[in-house]
PDB file of all heavy atoms in Angstrom:
ATOM      1  N   TYR A   1     112.387  22.928 -14.664  1.00  0.00           N
ATOM      2  CA  TYR A   1     112.558  21.523 -14.297  1.00  0.00           C
ATOM      3  C   TYR A   1     113.229  21.449 -12.924  1.00  0.00           C
ATOM      4  O   TYR A   1     114.260  22.082 -12.684  1.00  0.00           O
ATOM      5  CB  TYR A   1     113.413  20.807 -15.336  1.00  0.00           C
ATOM      6  CG  TYR A   1     112.640  20.476 -16.592  1.00  0.00           C
ATOM      7  CD1 TYR A   1     112.159  21.483 -17.413  1.00  0.00           C
ATOM      8  CD2 TYR A   1     112.379  19.158 -16.947  1.00  0.00           C
ATOM      9  CE1 TYR A   1     111.433  21.189 -18.553  1.00  0.00           C
ATOM     10  CE2 TYR A   1     111.658  18.843 -18.087  1.00  0.00           C
ATOM     11  CZ  TYR A   1     111.183  19.869 -18.880  1.00  0.00           C
ATOM     12  OH  TYR A   1     110.462  19.574 -20.009  1.00  0.00           O
ATOM     13  N   TYR A   2     112.607  20.642 -12.055  1.00  0.00           N
ATOM     14  CA  TYR A   2     113.098  20.482 -10.692  1.00  0.00           C
ATOM     15  C   TYR A   2     113.467  19.027 -10.426  1.00  0.00           C
ATOM     16  O   TYR A   2     112.779  18.102 -10.864  1.00  0.00           O
ATOM     17  CB  TYR A   2     112.024  20.877  -9.684  1.00  0.00           C
ATOM     18  CG  TYR A   2     111.578  22.317  -9.769  1.00  0.00           C
ATOM     19  CD1 TYR A   2     110.498  22.691 -10.559  1.00  0.00           C
ATOM     20  CD2 TYR A   2     112.236  23.300  -9.041  1.00  0.00           C
ATOM     21  CE1 TYR A   2     110.090  24.008 -10.636  1.00  0.00           C
ATOM     22  CE2 TYR A   2     111.825  24.623  -9.104  1.00  0.00           C
ATOM     23  CZ  TYR A   2     110.749  24.969  -9.900  1.00  0.00           C
ATOM     24  OH  TYR A   2     110.342  26.280  -9.954  1.00  0.00           O
ATOM     25  N   CYS A   3     114.509  18.861  -9.657  1.00  0.00           N
ATOM     26  CA  CYS A   3     114.888  17.559  -9.127  1.00  0.00           C
ATOM     27  C   CYS A   3     114.410  17.500  -7.682  1.00  0.00           C
ATOM     28  O   CYS A   3     114.512  18.498  -6.947  1.00  0.00           O
ATOM     29  CB  CYS A   3     116.404  17.430  -9.205  1.00  0.00           C
ATOM     30  SG  CYS A   3     117.081  15.945  -8.484  1.00  0.00           S
ATOM     31  N   ALA A   4     113.874  16.347  -7.275  1.00  0.00           N
ATOM     32  CA  ALA A   4     113.372  16.200  -5.912  1.00  0.00           C
ATOM     33  C   ALA A   4     113.767  14.844  -5.357  1.00  0.00           C
ATOM     34  O   ALA A   4     114.025  13.899  -6.111  1.00  0.00           O
ATOM     35  CB  ALA A   4     111.857  16.344  -5.888  1.00  0.00           C
ATOM     36  N   ALA A   5     113.816  14.764  -4.031  1.00  0.00           N
ATOM     37  CA  ALA A   5     114.239  13.521  -3.376  1.00  0.00           C
ATOM     38  C   ALA A   5     113.405  13.264  -2.141  1.00  0.00           C
ATOM     39  O   ALA A   5     112.926  14.193  -1.485  1.00  0.00           O
ATOM     40  CB  ALA A   5     115.721  13.602  -3.005  1.00  0.00           C
ATOM     41  N   ASP A   6     113.269  11.988  -1.827  1.00  0.00           N
ATOM     42  CA  ASP A   6     112.515  11.604  -0.648  1.00  0.00           C
ATOM     43  C   ASP A   6     113.041  10.273  -0.142  1.00  0.00           C
ATOM     44  O   ASP A   6     113.694   9.517  -0.875  1.00  0.00           O
ATOM     45  CB  ASP A   6     111.025  11.488  -0.993  1.00  0.00           C
ATOM     46  CG  ASP A   6     110.140  11.902   0.169  1.00  0.00           C
ATOM     47  OD1 ASP A   6     110.662  12.169   1.271  1.00  0.00           O
ATOM     48  OD2 ASP A   6     108.904  11.957  -0.023  1.00  0.00           O
ATOM     49  N   THR A   7     112.750   9.991   1.115  1.00  0.00           N
ATOM     50  CA  THR A   7     113.170   8.730   1.709  1.00  0.00           C
ATOM     51  C   THR A   7     112.078   8.259   2.648  1.00  0.00           C
ATOM     52  O   THR A   7     111.342   9.074   3.207  1.00  0.00           O
ATOM     53  CB  THR A   7     114.511   8.901   2.444  1.00  0.00           C
ATOM     54  OG1 THR A   7     115.068   7.656   2.771  1.00  0.00           O
ATOM     55  CG2 THR A   7     114.354   9.762   3.700  1.00  0.00           C
ATOM     56  N   PRO A   8     111.913   6.933   2.832  1.00  0.00           N
ATOM     57  CA  PRO A   8     112.668   5.831   2.240  1.00  0.00           C
ATOM     58  C   PRO A   8     112.400   5.689   0.747  1.00  0.00           C
ATOM     59  O   PRO A   8     111.524   6.360   0.216  1.00  0.00           O
ATOM     60  CB  PRO A   8     112.153   4.611   3.015  1.00  0.00           C
ATOM     61  CG  PRO A   8     110.768   4.989   3.407  1.00  0.00           C
ATOM     62  CD  PRO A   8     110.830   6.453   3.705  1.00  0.00           C
ATOM     63  N   PRO A   9     113.140   4.809   0.071  1.00  0.00           N
ATOM     64  CA  PRO A   9     113.034   4.700  -1.384  1.00  0.00           C
ATOM     65  C   PRO A   9     111.790   3.928  -1.824  1.00  0.00           C
ATOM     66  O   PRO A   9     111.867   2.805  -2.299  1.00  0.00           O
ATOM     67  CB  PRO A   9     114.320   3.978  -1.781  1.00  0.00           C
ATOM     68  CG  PRO A   9     114.661   3.143  -0.591  1.00  0.00           C
ATOM     69  CD  PRO A   9     114.263   3.983   0.594  1.00  0.00           C
ATOM     70  N   TYR A  10     110.631   4.540  -1.701  1.00  0.00           N
ATOM     71  CA  TYR A  10     109.394   3.898  -2.121  1.00  0.00           C
ATOM     72  C   TYR A  10     109.331   3.871  -3.648  1.00  0.00           C
ATOM     73  O   TYR A  10     110.177   4.444  -4.332  1.00  0.00           O
ATOM     74  CB  TYR A  10     108.195   4.617  -1.500  1.00  0.00           C
ATOM     75  CG  TYR A  10     108.171   6.113  -1.687  1.00  0.00           C
ATOM     76  CD1 TYR A  10     107.651   6.687  -2.832  1.00  0.00           C
ATOM     77  CD2 TYR A  10     108.644   6.968  -0.687  1.00  0.00           C
ATOM     78  CE1 TYR A  10     107.617   8.055  -2.994  1.00  0.00           C
ATOM     79  CE2 TYR A  10     108.613   8.340  -0.833  1.00  0.00           C
ATOM     80  CZ  TYR A  10     108.090   8.877  -2.003  1.00  0.00           C
ATOM     81  OH  TYR A  10     108.057  10.243  -2.160  1.00  0.00           O
ATOM     82  N   PRO A  11     108.340   3.194  -4.224  1.00  0.00           N
ATOM     83  CA  PRO A  11     108.293   3.042  -5.682  1.00  0.00           C
ATOM     84  C   PRO A  11     108.273   4.364  -6.450  1.00  0.00           C
ATOM     85  O   PRO A  11     107.659   5.349  -6.012  1.00  0.00           O
ATOM     86  CB  PRO A  11     106.999   2.245  -5.901  1.00  0.00           C
ATOM     87  CG  PRO A  11     106.849   1.447  -4.653  1.00  0.00           C
ATOM     88  CD  PRO A  11     107.341   2.341  -3.557  1.00  0.00           C
ATOM     89  N   ALA A  12     108.934   4.338  -7.594  1.00  0.00           N
ATOM     90  CA  ALA A  12     109.075   5.544  -8.405  1.00  0.00           C
ATOM     91  C   ALA A  12     107.728   6.106  -8.831  1.00  0.00           C
ATOM     92  O   ALA A  12     107.521   7.322  -8.844  1.00  0.00           O
ATOM     93  CB  ALA A  12     109.942   5.235  -9.618  1.00  0.00           C
ATOM     94  N   GLU A  13     106.799   5.232  -9.193  1.00  0.00           N
ATOM     95  CA  GLU A  13     105.496   5.704  -9.658  1.00  0.00           C
ATOM     96  C   GLU A  13     104.782   6.485  -8.565  1.00  0.00           C
ATOM     97  O   GLU A  13     104.148   7.510  -8.834  1.00  0.00           O
ATOM     98  CB  GLU A  13     104.638   4.518 -10.097  1.00  0.00           C
ATOM     99  CG  GLU A  13     103.276   4.930 -10.640  1.00  0.00           C
ATOM    100  CD  GLU A  13     102.515   3.761 -11.235  1.00  0.00           C
ATOM    101  OE1 GLU A  13     103.061   2.650 -11.298  1.00  0.00           O
ATOM    102  OE2 GLU A  13     101.361   3.977 -11.651  1.00  0.00           O
ATOM    103  N   ALA A  14     104.909   6.036  -7.334  1.00  0.00           N
ATOM    104  CA  ALA A  14     104.260   6.741  -6.231  1.00  0.00           C
ATOM    105  C   ALA A  14     104.803   8.145  -6.065  1.00  0.00           C
ATOM    106  O   ALA A  14     104.074   9.092  -5.767  1.00  0.00           O
ATOM    107  CB  ALA A  14     104.437   5.945  -4.937  1.00  0.00           C
ATOM    108  N   MET A  15     106.097   8.292  -6.268  1.00  0.00           N
ATOM    109  CA  MET A  15     106.673   9.631  -6.129  1.00  0.00           C
ATOM    110  C   MET A  15     106.152  10.556  -7.200  1.00  0.00           C
ATOM    111  O   MET A  15     105.754  11.679  -6.945  1.00  0.00           O
ATOM    112  CB  MET A  15     108.194   9.580  -6.189  1.00  0.00           C
ATOM    113  CG  MET A  15     108.813  10.962  -5.937  1.00  0.00           C
ATOM    114  SD  MET A  15     110.573  11.001  -6.151  1.00  0.00           S
ATOM    115  CE  MET A  15     110.998  12.384  -5.119  1.00  0.00           C
ATOM    116  N   CYS A  16     106.165  10.102  -8.430  1.00  0.00           N
ATOM    117  CA  CYS A  16     105.759  10.960  -9.531  1.00  0.00           C
ATOM    118  C   CYS A  16     104.273  11.313  -9.469  1.00  0.00           C
ATOM    119  O   CYS A  16     103.896  12.424  -9.830  1.00  0.00           O
ATOM    120  CB  CYS A  16     106.068  10.273 -10.857  1.00  0.00           C
ATOM    121  SG  CYS A  16     107.729  10.598 -11.481  1.00  0.00           S
ATOM    122  N   LEU A  17     103.459  10.386  -9.025  1.00  0.00           N
ATOM    123  CA  LEU A  17     102.017  10.579  -9.120  1.00  0.00           C
ATOM    124  C   LEU A  17     101.365  11.132  -7.862  1.00  0.00           C
ATOM    125  O   LEU A  17     100.333  11.800  -7.946  1.00  0.00           O
ATOM    126  CB  LEU A  17     101.339   9.262  -9.494  1.00  0.00           C
ATOM    127  CG  LEU A  17     101.679   8.699 -10.864  1.00  0.00           C
ATOM    128  CD1 LEU A  17     100.895   7.421 -11.136  1.00  0.00           C
ATOM    129  CD2 LEU A  17     101.424   9.721 -11.955  1.00  0.00           C
ATOM    130  N   ALA A  18     101.944  10.838  -6.696  1.00  0.00           N
ATOM    131  CA  ALA A  18     101.191  11.144  -5.487  1.00  0.00           C
ATOM    132  C   ALA A  18     101.966  11.854  -4.393  1.00  0.00           C
ATOM    133  O   ALA A  18     101.371  12.513  -3.544  1.00  0.00           O
ATOM    134  CB  ALA A  18     100.596   9.857  -4.904  1.00  0.00           C
ATOM    135  N   ALA A  19     103.260  11.729  -4.402  1.00  0.00           N
ATOM    136  CA  ALA A  19     104.030  12.210  -3.261  1.00  0.00           C
ATOM    137  C   ALA A  19     104.350  13.692  -3.362  1.00  0.00           C
ATOM    138  O   ALA A  19     104.340  14.274  -4.446  1.00  0.00           O
ATOM    139  CB  ALA A  19     105.314  11.408  -3.130  1.00  0.00           C
ATOM    140  N   ILE A  20     104.615  14.270  -2.232  1.00  0.00           N
ATOM    141  CA  ILE A  20     105.181  15.621  -2.159  1.00  0.00           C
ATOM    142  C   ILE A  20     106.546  15.455  -1.513  1.00  0.00           C
ATOM    143  O   ILE A  20     106.655  15.378  -0.291  1.00  0.00           O
ATOM    144  CB  ILE A  20     104.294  16.558  -1.332  1.00  0.00           C
ATOM    145  CG1 ILE A  20     102.894  16.627  -1.943  1.00  0.00           C
ATOM    146  CG2 ILE A  20     104.926  17.953  -1.273  1.00  0.00           C
ATOM    147  CD1 ILE A  20     101.924  17.470  -1.159  1.00  0.00           C
ATOM    148  N   PRO A  21     107.584  15.372  -2.328  1.00  0.00           N
ATOM    149  CA  PRO A  21     108.922  15.106  -1.786  1.00  0.00           C
ATOM    150  C   PRO A  21     109.372  16.154  -0.771  1.00  0.00           C
ATOM    151  O   PRO A  21     108.980  17.315  -0.843  1.00  0.00           O
ATOM    152  CB  PRO A  21     109.814  15.135  -3.031  1.00  0.00           C
ATOM    153  CG  PRO A  21     108.896  14.853  -4.170  1.00  0.00           C
ATOM    154  CD  PRO A  21     107.597  15.494  -3.787  1.00  0.00           C
ATOM    155  N   HIS A  22     110.228  15.708   0.130  1.00  0.00           N
ATOM    156  CA  HIS A  22     110.713  16.618   1.161  1.00  0.00           C
ATOM    157  C   HIS A  22     111.788  17.570   0.652  1.00  0.00           C
ATOM    158  O   HIS A  22     111.905  18.694   1.130  1.00  0.00           O
ATOM    159  CB  HIS A  22     111.289  15.817   2.332  1.00  0.00           C
ATOM    160  CG  HIS A  22     110.255  15.250   3.232  1.00  0.00           C
ATOM    161  ND1 HIS A  22     109.611  14.063   2.993  1.00  0.00           N
ATOM    162  CD2 HIS A  22     109.722  15.726   4.391  1.00  0.00           C
ATOM    163  CE1 HIS A  22     108.751  13.827   3.969  1.00  0.00           C
ATOM    164  NE2 HIS A  22     108.784  14.809   4.825  1.00  0.00           N
ATOM    165  N   TYR A  23     112.585  17.105  -0.303  1.00  0.00           N
ATOM    166  CA  TYR A  23     113.746  17.879  -0.718  1.00  0.00           C
ATOM    167  C   TYR A  23     113.655  18.259  -2.198  1.00  0.00           C
ATOM    168  O   TYR A  23     113.311  17.427  -3.037  1.00  0.00           O
ATOM    169  CB  TYR A  23     115.025  17.070  -0.470  1.00  0.00           C
ATOM    170  CG  TYR A  23     115.146  16.584   0.952  1.00  0.00           C
ATOM    171  CD1 TYR A  23     114.858  15.271   1.291  1.00  0.00           C
ATOM    172  CD2 TYR A  23     115.550  17.461   1.964  1.00  0.00           C
ATOM    173  CE1 TYR A  23     114.958  14.837   2.600  1.00  0.00           C
ATOM    174  CE2 TYR A  23     115.657  17.023   3.276  1.00  0.00           C
ATOM    175  CZ  TYR A  23     115.351  15.718   3.584  1.00  0.00           C
ATOM    176  OH  TYR A  23     115.451  15.285   4.889  1.00  0.00           O
ATOM    177  N   TRP A  24     114.016  19.516  -2.472  1.00  0.00           N
ATOM    178  CA  TRP A  24     113.905  20.053  -3.823  1.00  0.00           C
ATOM    179  C   TRP A  24     115.151  20.844  -4.203  1.00  0.00           C
ATOM    180  O   TRP A  24     115.779  21.471  -3.350  1.00  0.00           O
ATOM    181  CB  TRP A  24     112.700  20.993  -3.917  1.00  0.00           C
ATOM    182  CG  TRP A  24     111.386  20.304  -3.778  1.00  0.00           C
ATOM    183  CD1 TRP A  24     110.750  19.986  -2.615  1.00  0.00           C
ATOM    184  CD2 TRP A  24     110.556  19.831  -4.837  1.00  0.00           C
ATOM    185  NE1 TRP A  24     109.565  19.342  -2.897  1.00  0.00           N
ATOM    186  CE2 TRP A  24     109.424  19.235  -4.242  1.00  0.00           C
ATOM    187  CE3 TRP A  24     110.664  19.840  -6.231  1.00  0.00           C
ATOM    188  CZ2 TRP A  24     108.397  18.663  -5.000  1.00  0.00           C
ATOM    189  CZ3 TRP A  24     109.639  19.275  -6.974  1.00  0.00           C
ATOM    190  CH2 TRP A  24     108.520  18.691  -6.363  1.00  0.00           C
ATOM    191  N   GLY A  25     115.449  20.813  -5.493  1.00  0.00           N
ATOM    192  CA  GLY A  25     116.462  21.701  -6.015  1.00  0.00           C
ATOM    193  C   GLY A  25     115.845  23.043  -6.365  1.00  0.00           C
ATOM    194  O   GLY A  25     114.649  23.268  -6.187  1.00  0.00           O
ATOM    195  N   GLN A  26     116.673  23.922  -6.918  1.00  0.00           N
ATOM    196  CA  GLN A  26     116.233  25.284  -7.204  1.00  0.00           C
ATOM    197  C   GLN A  26     115.578  25.401  -8.575  1.00  0.00           C
ATOM    198  O   GLN A  26     114.936  26.413  -8.870  1.00  0.00           O
ATOM    199  CB  GLN A  26     117.421  26.254  -7.102  1.00  0.00           C
ATOM    200  CG  GLN A  26     118.308  26.325  -8.340  1.00  0.00           C
ATOM    201  CD  GLN A  26     119.172  25.088  -8.541  1.00  0.00           C
ATOM    202  OE1 GLN A  26     119.273  24.213  -7.680  1.00  0.00           O
ATOM    203  NE2 GLN A  26     119.810  25.011  -9.699  1.00  0.00           N
ATOM    204  N   GLY A  27     115.752  24.411  -9.418  1.00  0.00           N
ATOM    205  CA  GLY A  27     115.134  24.410 -10.733  1.00  0.00           C
ATOM    206  C   GLY A  27     116.060  24.915 -11.819  1.00  0.00           C
ATOM    207  O   GLY A  27     116.995  25.685 -11.568  1.00  0.00           O
ATOM    208  N   THR A  28     115.800  24.469 -13.043  1.00  0.00           N
ATOM    209  CA  THR A  28     116.550  24.917 -14.210  1.00  0.00           C
ATOM    210  C   THR A  28     115.566  25.062 -15.365  1.00  0.00           C
ATOM    211  O   THR A  28     114.667  24.230 -15.544  1.00  0.00           O
ATOM    212  CB  THR A  28     117.696  23.940 -14.543  1.00  0.00           C
ATOM    213  OG1 THR A  28     118.504  24.477 -15.583  1.00  0.00           O
ATOM    214  CG2 THR A  28     117.179  22.577 -14.976  1.00  0.00           C
ATOM    215  N   GLN A  29     115.720  26.122 -16.133  1.00  0.00           N
ATOM    216  CA  GLN A  29     114.756  26.453 -17.187  1.00  0.00           C
ATOM    217  C   GLN A  29     115.095  25.721 -18.475  1.00  0.00           C
ATOM    218  O   GLN A  29     116.236  25.754 -18.948  1.00  0.00           O
ATOM    219  CB  GLN A  29     114.765  27.961 -17.444  1.00  0.00           C
ATOM    220  CG  GLN A  29     113.858  28.404 -18.584  1.00  0.00           C
ATOM    221  CD  GLN A  29     112.391  28.308 -18.237  1.00  0.00           C
ATOM    222  OE1 GLN A  29     111.971  28.710 -17.164  1.00  0.00           O
ATOM    223  NE2 GLN A  29     111.594  27.773 -19.163  1.00  0.00           N
TER     224      GLN A  29
END
């Protein structure tokens, strides 16, 4: 499981379905 972030704060659905966020965590199993 990874946490990711992007800006500006566009709609949540767009991030989950279409975006490639710029920032990522290292992940947790």
